[in-house]
Amino acid sequence: MPLPRLNIYRHDRRTRTLLTLAGEIDLETVPLMRATFERCLRDGMRVIDVDLTPVTFCDCSGLNTFIEAFLHSTAAGGTLRLHYPPPMLAWMIDLSGCGFVLMGLPAVPGPAPLQGPLSAALIPRPVAGIEAVRQLAPAVSGGVL
């Protein structure tokens, strides 16, 4: 029997939980993540901290799942914060411009800024309505449980 590619460890304290993800996050493992986030909200968890220290890989489906979980937790009156993302995920967060939504702590620095005449055309522009999301979810600094 093959080992699971993603393990999720949950530690609750009243209405706050720490989820530690270990392994790979991709199309095959995001259903497990979605189910875990939904279960946390159903169980009354309103602060969800996600420790990504042991994550070895995360693709854009994982980033999308984190954004969905953030939106669901915000709609339920809670928060979701990512802590210590692997470099590739930190780069995707930086590139997509959603770090203010997901990061309670600074992300691992992404690649060096682009230089040259095309760099302005390659810099992501803010999405319409992004200011509304910033007002819904102000950045809060804090540590992992």
Protein backbone atom coordinates (compact mmCIF):
# COMPACT_ATOMS: atom_id res chain seq x y z
CA MET A 1 0.00 0.00 0.00
CA PRO A 2 1.54 3.36 -1.03
CA LEU A 3 2.02 6.06 1.55
CA PRO A 4 -0.20 9.14 1.33
CA ARG A 5 1.37 12.03 -0.53
CA LEU A 6 -0.07 14.58 1.93
CA ASN A 7 -0.60 14.27 5.66
CA ILE A 8 -2.56 16.84 7.64
CA TYR A 9 -2.17 17.18 11.40
CA ARG A 10 -4.76 19.22 13.31
CA HIS A 11 -4.33 20.74 16.77
CA ASP A 12 -7.33 22.64 18.19
CA ARG A 13 -7.48 25.15 21.02
CA ARG A 14 -10.99 26.50 21.60
CA THR A 15 -11.93 28.24 18.32
CA ARG A 16 -8.40 28.24 16.92
CA THR A 17 -6.65 25.44 15.07
CA LEU A 18 -3.20 24.76 13.74
CA LEU A 19 -3.04 22.62 10.61
CA THR A 20 0.37 21.24 9.72
CA LEU A 21 0.57 20.01 6.15
CA ALA A 22 3.35 17.57 5.26
CA GLY A 23 4.10 16.30 1.78
CA GLU A 24 2.90 17.34 -1.68
CA ILE A 25 -0.02 19.60 -2.54
CA ASP A 26 -1.41 19.06 -6.03
CA LEU A 27 -4.60 18.06 -7.89
CA GLU A 28 -4.65 14.68 -6.17
CA THR A 29 -4.30 16.01 -2.63
CA VAL A 30 -6.37 19.23 -2.66
CA PRO A 31 -9.66 17.34 -2.02
CA LEU A 32 -8.20 16.26 1.33
CA MET A 33 -7.27 19.89 2.07
CA ARG A 34 -10.75 21.15 1.13
CA ALA A 35 -12.41 18.55 3.35
CA THR A 36 -10.12 19.50 6.25
CA PHE A 37 -10.82 23.23 5.92
CA GLU A 38 -14.59 22.60 5.68
CA ARG A 39 -14.48 20.35 8.74
CA CYS A 40 -12.60 23.00 10.74
CA LEU A 41 -15.28 25.58 9.95
CA ARG A 42 -18.10 23.12 10.75
CA ASP A 43 -16.40 22.38 14.09
CA GLY A 44 -16.46 26.09 14.97
CA MET A 45 -12.82 26.94 14.30
CA ARG A 46 -12.58 30.65 13.46
CA VAL A 47 -8.81 31.11 13.35
CA ILE A 48 -7.03 28.64 11.09
CA ASP A 49 -3.22 28.76 11.03
CA VAL A 50 -1.58 26.58 8.39
CA ASP A 51 2.03 25.55 8.98
CA LEU A 52 3.61 24.68 5.63
CA THR A 53 7.12 23.97 6.89
CA PRO A 54 7.05 20.26 5.90
CA VAL A 55 5.46 20.83 2.46
CA THR A 56 7.80 19.64 -0.30
CA PHE A 57 5.71 20.71 -3.31
CA CYS A 58 2.70 22.92 -4.02
CA ASP A 59 1.21 23.74 -7.41
CA CYS A 60 -1.38 26.35 -8.42
CA SER A 61 -4.27 24.05 -7.46
CA GLY A 62 -2.97 24.26 -3.89
CA LEU A 63 -2.81 28.05 -4.04
CA ASN A 64 -6.37 28.11 -5.38
CA THR A 65 -7.52 25.88 -2.52
CA PHE A 66 -5.89 28.19 0.04
CA ILE A 67 -7.67 31.19 -1.50
CA GLU A 68 -11.02 29.34 -1.46
CA ALA A 69 -10.47 28.35 2.18
CA PHE A 70 -9.62 31.95 3.04
CA LEU A 71 -12.84 33.18 1.42
CA HIS A 72 -14.94 30.54 3.22
CA SER A 73 -13.34 31.28 6.59
CA THR A 74 -13.81 35.03 6.10
CA ALA A 75 -17.47 34.49 5.18
CA ALA A 76 -17.84 32.49 8.42
CA GLY A 77 -16.32 35.35 10.43
CA GLY A 78 -12.89 33.80 10.76
CA THR A 79 -9.39 34.03 9.37
CA LEU A 80 -6.94 31.75 7.61
CA ARG A 81 -3.20 32.41 7.56
CA LEU A 82 -0.36 30.56 5.92
CA HIS A 83 2.95 30.26 7.73
CA TYR A 84 6.36 29.31 6.32
CA PRO A 85 5.41 28.43 2.73
CA PRO A 86 7.94 26.56 0.60
CA PRO A 87 9.82 28.81 -1.86
CA MET A 88 7.71 27.83 -4.90
CA LEU A 89 4.43 28.61 -3.12
CA ALA A 90 5.87 31.87 -1.77
CA TRP A 91 6.84 32.78 -5.33
CA MET A 92 3.28 32.03 -6.59
CA ILE A 93 1.77 34.07 -3.76
CA ASP A 94 4.08 36.97 -4.56
CA LEU A 95 3.49 36.71 -8.31
CA SER A 96 -0.30 36.55 -7.94
CA GLY A 97 -0.39 39.46 -5.50
CA CYS A 98 -2.49 37.61 -2.91
CA GLY A 99 0.05 37.70 -0.11
CA PHE A 100 -1.93 40.31 1.81
CA VAL A 101 -4.82 37.83 1.91
CA LEU A 102 -3.01 34.68 2.94
CA MET A 103 0.10 35.64 4.86
CA GLY A 104 0.10 36.35 8.56
CA LEU A 105 3.89 36.40 8.43
CA PRO A 106 6.18 37.55 5.63
CA ALA A 107 6.57 35.07 2.81
CA VAL A 108 9.92 33.62 1.86
CA PRO A 109 11.34 36.11 -0.65
CA GLY A 110 10.47 35.31 -4.25
CA PRO A 111 12.69 35.73 -7.28
CA ALA A 112 14.60 38.94 -7.88
CA PRO A 113 12.52 41.65 -9.56
CA LEU A 114 12.60 41.65 -13.34
CA GLN A 115 14.90 44.18 -14.92
CA GLY A 116 14.72 45.79 -18.32
CA PRO A 117 12.20 47.46 -20.63
CA LEU A 118 9.64 44.62 -20.49
CA SER A 119 9.55 44.38 -16.70
CA ALA A 120 6.70 46.91 -16.33
CA ALA A 121 4.53 44.87 -18.70
CA LEU A 122 5.21 41.66 -16.73
CA ILE A 123 4.40 43.01 -13.26
CA PRO A 124 0.95 41.77 -12.16
CA ARG A 125 -1.66 44.49 -11.87
CA PRO A 126 -4.16 44.61 -8.97
CA VAL A 127 -7.46 42.95 -9.71
CA ALA A 128 -10.59 45.12 -9.66
CA GLY A 129 -12.26 44.92 -6.26
CA ILE A 130 -9.06 43.96 -4.46
CA GLU A 131 -9.48 46.90 -2.09
CA ALA A 132 -12.76 45.39 -0.89
CA VAL A 133 -10.94 42.16 -0.01
CA ARG A 134 -8.25 44.10 1.84
CA GLN A 135 -10.93 45.77 3.97
CA LEU A 136 -12.55 42.40 4.70
CA ALA A 137 -9.30 40.79 5.76
CA PRO A 138 -6.72 43.16 7.19
CA ALA A 139 -3.29 41.65 7.66
CA VAL A 140 -2.64 40.47 11.18
CA SER A 141 0.80 39.50 12.32
CA GLY A 142 1.23 36.65 14.70
CA GLY A 143 2.98 33.40 15.31
CA VAL A 144 2.10 29.82 14.81
CA LEU A 145 0.29 28.13 17.69
